Amino acid sequence: MDSPSTIVLDKKVIELLKQAKENPRQTYNDLLTKMAQFFITLRERNQYDEFLHKIQQPKMKEIWDNEYDKAWEKV
C-alpha cells in the first residue's frame, strides 16, 4: 500500500460510504477504489453512447423527416 493520506469528509458522506459497503469488513479505500473505477467505466461508456448518437443523427433525420410522415401528422 502507498503511503496513506488524510481527507476530510462530511459526516453525511461517511454515512453514505457505510451504507455502500458490500460487507462490514470492506475498507473505505477498497470501496472508493471500486467506486472510482466504476465511475470511469461509466463515463467512458457514456462518451461512446454519445458518439454513436451523433453519428446516427443524420440518418435518423433522413428517415423521420420526409413528406410521407408529414402527411400522417395531419390525420
N, C-alpha and C. Protein backbone atom coordinates (compact mmCIF):
# COMPACT_ATOMS: atom_id res chain seq x y z
N MET A 1 0.84 -1.18 0.00
CA MET A 1 0.00 0.00 0.00
C MET A 1 0.88 1.23 0.00
N ASP A 2 0.48 2.24 -0.78
CA ASP A 2 1.21 3.50 -0.80
C ASP A 2 1.06 4.19 0.55
N SER A 3 1.81 5.25 0.72
CA SER A 3 1.71 5.96 1.98
C SER A 3 0.32 6.57 2.12
N PRO A 4 -0.29 6.38 3.27
CA PRO A 4 -1.66 6.87 3.47
C PRO A 4 -1.72 8.39 3.56
N SER A 5 -2.88 8.92 3.22
CA SER A 5 -3.11 10.36 3.36
C SER A 5 -4.45 10.56 4.06
N THR A 6 -4.69 11.77 4.43
CA THR A 6 -5.92 12.10 5.14
C THR A 6 -6.79 12.98 4.26
N ILE A 7 -8.07 12.67 4.20
CA ILE A 7 -9.02 13.53 3.51
C ILE A 7 -10.14 13.88 4.48
N VAL A 8 -10.72 15.04 4.30
CA VAL A 8 -11.80 15.49 5.17
C VAL A 8 -13.12 15.22 4.44
N LEU A 9 -14.02 14.51 5.12
CA LEU A 9 -15.33 14.18 4.56
C LEU A 9 -16.42 14.64 5.51
N ASP A 10 -17.53 15.08 4.95
CA ASP A 10 -18.69 15.40 5.77
C ASP A 10 -19.22 14.11 6.40
N LYS A 11 -19.86 14.25 7.55
CA LYS A 11 -20.41 13.07 8.21
C LYS A 11 -21.48 12.39 7.35
N LYS A 12 -22.20 13.17 6.53
CA LYS A 12 -23.21 12.60 5.64
C LYS A 12 -22.55 11.69 4.60
N VAL A 13 -21.38 12.09 4.11
CA VAL A 13 -20.66 11.29 3.13
C VAL A 13 -20.18 9.99 3.78
N ILE A 14 -19.71 10.09 4.99
CA ILE A 14 -19.25 8.90 5.71
C ILE A 14 -20.41 7.92 5.89
N GLU A 15 -21.58 8.44 6.23
CA GLU A 15 -22.76 7.57 6.37
C GLU A 15 -23.11 6.91 5.05
N LEU A 16 -23.03 7.65 3.95
CA LEU A 16 -23.30 7.06 2.63
C LEU A 16 -22.29 5.96 2.31
N LEU A 17 -21.03 6.21 2.65
CA LEU A 17 -20.00 5.19 2.41
C LEU A 17 -20.27 3.94 3.24
N LYS A 18 -20.71 4.12 4.46
CA LYS A 18 -21.04 2.96 5.30
C LYS A 18 -22.17 2.15 4.68
N GLN A 19 -23.16 2.83 4.14
CA GLN A 19 -24.29 2.15 3.51
C GLN A 19 -23.87 1.45 2.22
N ALA A 20 -22.87 2.01 1.54
CA ALA A 20 -22.43 1.46 0.25
C ALA A 20 -21.52 0.24 0.39
N LYS A 21 -20.99 0.01 1.58
CA LYS A 21 -20.10 -1.13 1.77
C LYS A 21 -20.80 -2.44 1.40
N GLU A 22 -20.07 -3.31 0.72
CA GLU A 22 -20.61 -4.61 0.36
C GLU A 22 -20.59 -5.58 1.52
N ASN A 23 -19.66 -5.36 2.44
CA ASN A 23 -19.62 -6.14 3.67
C ASN A 23 -18.97 -5.26 4.75
N PRO A 24 -19.23 -5.56 6.01
CA PRO A 24 -18.74 -4.68 7.09
C PRO A 24 -17.22 -4.56 7.16
N ARG A 25 -16.50 -5.55 6.67
CA ARG A 25 -15.05 -5.52 6.77
C ARG A 25 -14.39 -4.83 5.58
N GLN A 26 -15.17 -4.42 4.59
CA GLN A 26 -14.61 -3.74 3.43
C GLN A 26 -14.07 -2.38 3.86
N THR A 27 -12.86 -2.08 3.44
CA THR A 27 -12.25 -0.80 3.83
C THR A 27 -12.78 0.32 2.94
N TYR A 28 -12.72 1.53 3.46
CA TYR A 28 -13.12 2.69 2.66
C TYR A 28 -12.22 2.82 1.43
N ASN A 29 -10.96 2.48 1.60
CA ASN A 29 -10.02 2.54 0.48
C ASN A 29 -10.48 1.61 -0.66
N ASP A 30 -10.84 0.37 -0.30
CA ASP A 30 -11.34 -0.58 -1.31
C ASP A 30 -12.64 -0.09 -1.94
N LEU A 31 -13.53 0.42 -1.10
CA LEU A 31 -14.81 0.90 -1.57
C LEU A 31 -14.65 2.08 -2.54
N LEU A 32 -13.83 3.05 -2.17
CA LEU A 32 -13.62 4.22 -3.01
C LEU A 32 -12.89 3.87 -4.31
N THR A 33 -11.98 2.91 -4.23
CA THR A 33 -11.30 2.45 -5.45
C THR A 33 -12.30 1.84 -6.41
N LYS A 34 -13.17 0.98 -5.89
CA LYS A 34 -14.18 0.34 -6.73
C LYS A 34 -15.15 1.37 -7.31
N MET A 35 -15.56 2.33 -6.50
CA MET A 35 -16.48 3.37 -6.95
C MET A 35 -15.84 4.24 -8.04
N ALA A 36 -14.58 4.58 -7.87
CA ALA A 36 -13.88 5.39 -8.86
C ALA A 36 -13.73 4.64 -10.18
N GLN A 37 -13.38 3.36 -10.11
CA GLN A 37 -13.25 2.56 -11.34
C GLN A 37 -14.59 2.44 -12.05
N PHE A 38 -15.66 2.25 -11.29
CA PHE A 38 -16.99 2.15 -11.86
C PHE A 38 -17.38 3.47 -12.54
N PHE A 39 -17.10 4.58 -11.89
CA PHE A 39 -17.42 5.91 -12.44
C PHE A 39 -16.66 6.14 -13.75
N ILE A 40 -15.38 5.79 -13.78
CA ILE A 40 -14.57 5.98 -15.00
C ILE A 40 -15.13 5.14 -16.14
N THR A 41 -15.48 3.88 -15.85
CA THR A 41 -16.05 3.00 -16.87
C THR A 41 -17.38 3.56 -17.38
N LEU A 42 -18.20 4.02 -16.47
CA LEU A 42 -19.50 4.58 -16.84
C LEU A 42 -19.33 5.82 -17.71
N ARG A 43 -18.39 6.67 -17.38
CA ARG A 43 -18.14 7.88 -18.16
C ARG A 43 -17.64 7.53 -19.56
N GLU A 44 -16.76 6.55 -19.66
CA GLU A 44 -16.26 6.13 -20.97
C GLU A 44 -17.38 5.54 -21.81
N ARG A 45 -18.24 4.75 -21.20
CA ARG A 45 -19.38 4.16 -21.92
C ARG A 45 -20.33 5.25 -22.39
N ASN A 46 -20.55 6.24 -21.55
CA ASN A 46 -21.43 7.35 -21.91
C ASN A 46 -20.85 8.13 -23.09
N GLN A 47 -19.54 8.32 -23.12
CA GLN A 47 -18.91 9.00 -24.24
C GLN A 47 -19.10 8.19 -25.52
N TYR A 48 -19.02 6.88 -25.43
CA TYR A 48 -19.23 6.01 -26.59
C TYR A 48 -20.68 6.11 -27.07
N ASP A 49 -21.62 6.11 -26.11
CA ASP A 49 -23.03 6.23 -26.47
C ASP A 49 -23.32 7.57 -27.14
N GLU A 50 -22.72 8.64 -26.63
CA GLU A 50 -22.90 9.95 -27.24
C GLU A 50 -22.33 9.97 -28.66
N PHE A 51 -21.19 9.33 -28.86
CA PHE A 51 -20.58 9.24 -30.18
C PHE A 51 -21.52 8.52 -31.15
N LEU A 52 -22.06 7.38 -30.72
CA LEU A 52 -23.00 6.64 -31.58
C LEU A 52 -24.23 7.47 -31.90
N HIS A 53 -24.73 8.17 -30.92
CA HIS A 53 -25.91 9.01 -31.12
C HIS A 53 -25.63 10.09 -32.17
N LYS A 54 -24.48 10.71 -32.07
CA LYS A 54 -24.14 11.79 -33.02
C LYS A 54 -23.98 11.27 -34.44
N ILE A 55 -23.39 10.09 -34.61
CA ILE A 55 -23.21 9.60 -35.98
C ILE A 55 -24.52 9.05 -36.54
N GLN A 56 -25.47 8.71 -35.67
CA GLN A 56 -26.76 8.22 -36.14
C GLN A 56 -27.74 9.35 -36.45
N GLN A 57 -27.52 10.52 -35.93
CA GLN A 57 -28.46 11.63 -36.11
C GLN A 57 -28.76 11.95 -37.56
N PRO A 58 -27.78 12.07 -38.46
CA PRO A 58 -28.11 12.39 -39.85
C PRO A 58 -29.02 11.35 -40.50
N LYS A 59 -28.77 10.08 -40.26
CA LYS A 59 -29.59 9.03 -40.85
C LYS A 59 -31.00 9.05 -40.26
N MET A 60 -31.10 9.26 -38.95
CA MET A 60 -32.42 9.33 -38.34
C MET A 60 -33.21 10.52 -38.87
N LYS A 61 -32.54 11.63 -39.08
CA LYS A 61 -33.20 12.81 -39.65
C LYS A 61 -33.71 12.48 -41.05
N GLU A 62 -32.91 11.78 -41.82
CA GLU A 62 -33.30 11.38 -43.17
C GLU A 62 -34.52 10.46 -43.12
N ILE A 63 -34.54 9.54 -42.18
CA ILE A 63 -35.64 8.59 -42.08
C ILE A 63 -36.93 9.26 -41.62
N TRP A 64 -36.83 10.12 -40.61
CA TRP A 64 -38.03 10.68 -40.00
C TRP A 64 -38.53 11.95 -40.67
N ASP A 65 -37.67 12.71 -41.27
CA ASP A 65 -38.09 13.97 -41.91
C ASP A 65 -38.34 13.74 -43.39
N ASN A 66 -39.53 13.23 -43.71
CA ASN A 66 -39.88 13.02 -45.11
C ASN A 66 -41.34 13.40 -45.31
N GLU A 67 -41.75 13.59 -46.53
CA GLU A 67 -43.10 14.04 -46.86
C GLU A 67 -44.17 13.03 -46.46
N TYR A 68 -43.85 11.75 -46.58
CA TYR A 68 -44.81 10.71 -46.25
C TYR A 68 -45.22 10.79 -44.78
N ASP A 69 -44.24 10.96 -43.89
CA ASP A 69 -44.53 11.06 -42.46
C ASP A 69 -45.26 12.34 -42.12
N LYS A 70 -44.94 13.43 -42.81
CA LYS A 70 -45.61 14.71 -42.54
C LYS A 70 -47.09 14.62 -42.86
N ALA A 71 -47.45 13.86 -43.88
CA ALA A 71 -48.86 13.68 -44.23
C ALA A 71 -49.62 13.01 -43.09
N TRP A 72 -48.99 12.08 -42.38
CA TRP A 72 -49.65 11.38 -41.28
C TRP A 72 -49.84 12.25 -40.05
N GLU A 73 -49.06 13.31 -39.91
CA GLU A 73 -49.20 14.19 -38.75
C GLU A 73 -50.55 14.88 -38.75
N LYS A 74 -51.16 15.07 -39.92
CA LYS A 74 -52.42 15.81 -40.03
C LYS A 74 -53.64 14.88 -39.91
N VAL A 75 -53.44 13.60 -39.81
CA VAL A 75 -54.56 12.65 -39.76
C VAL A 75 -55.13 12.60 -38.36
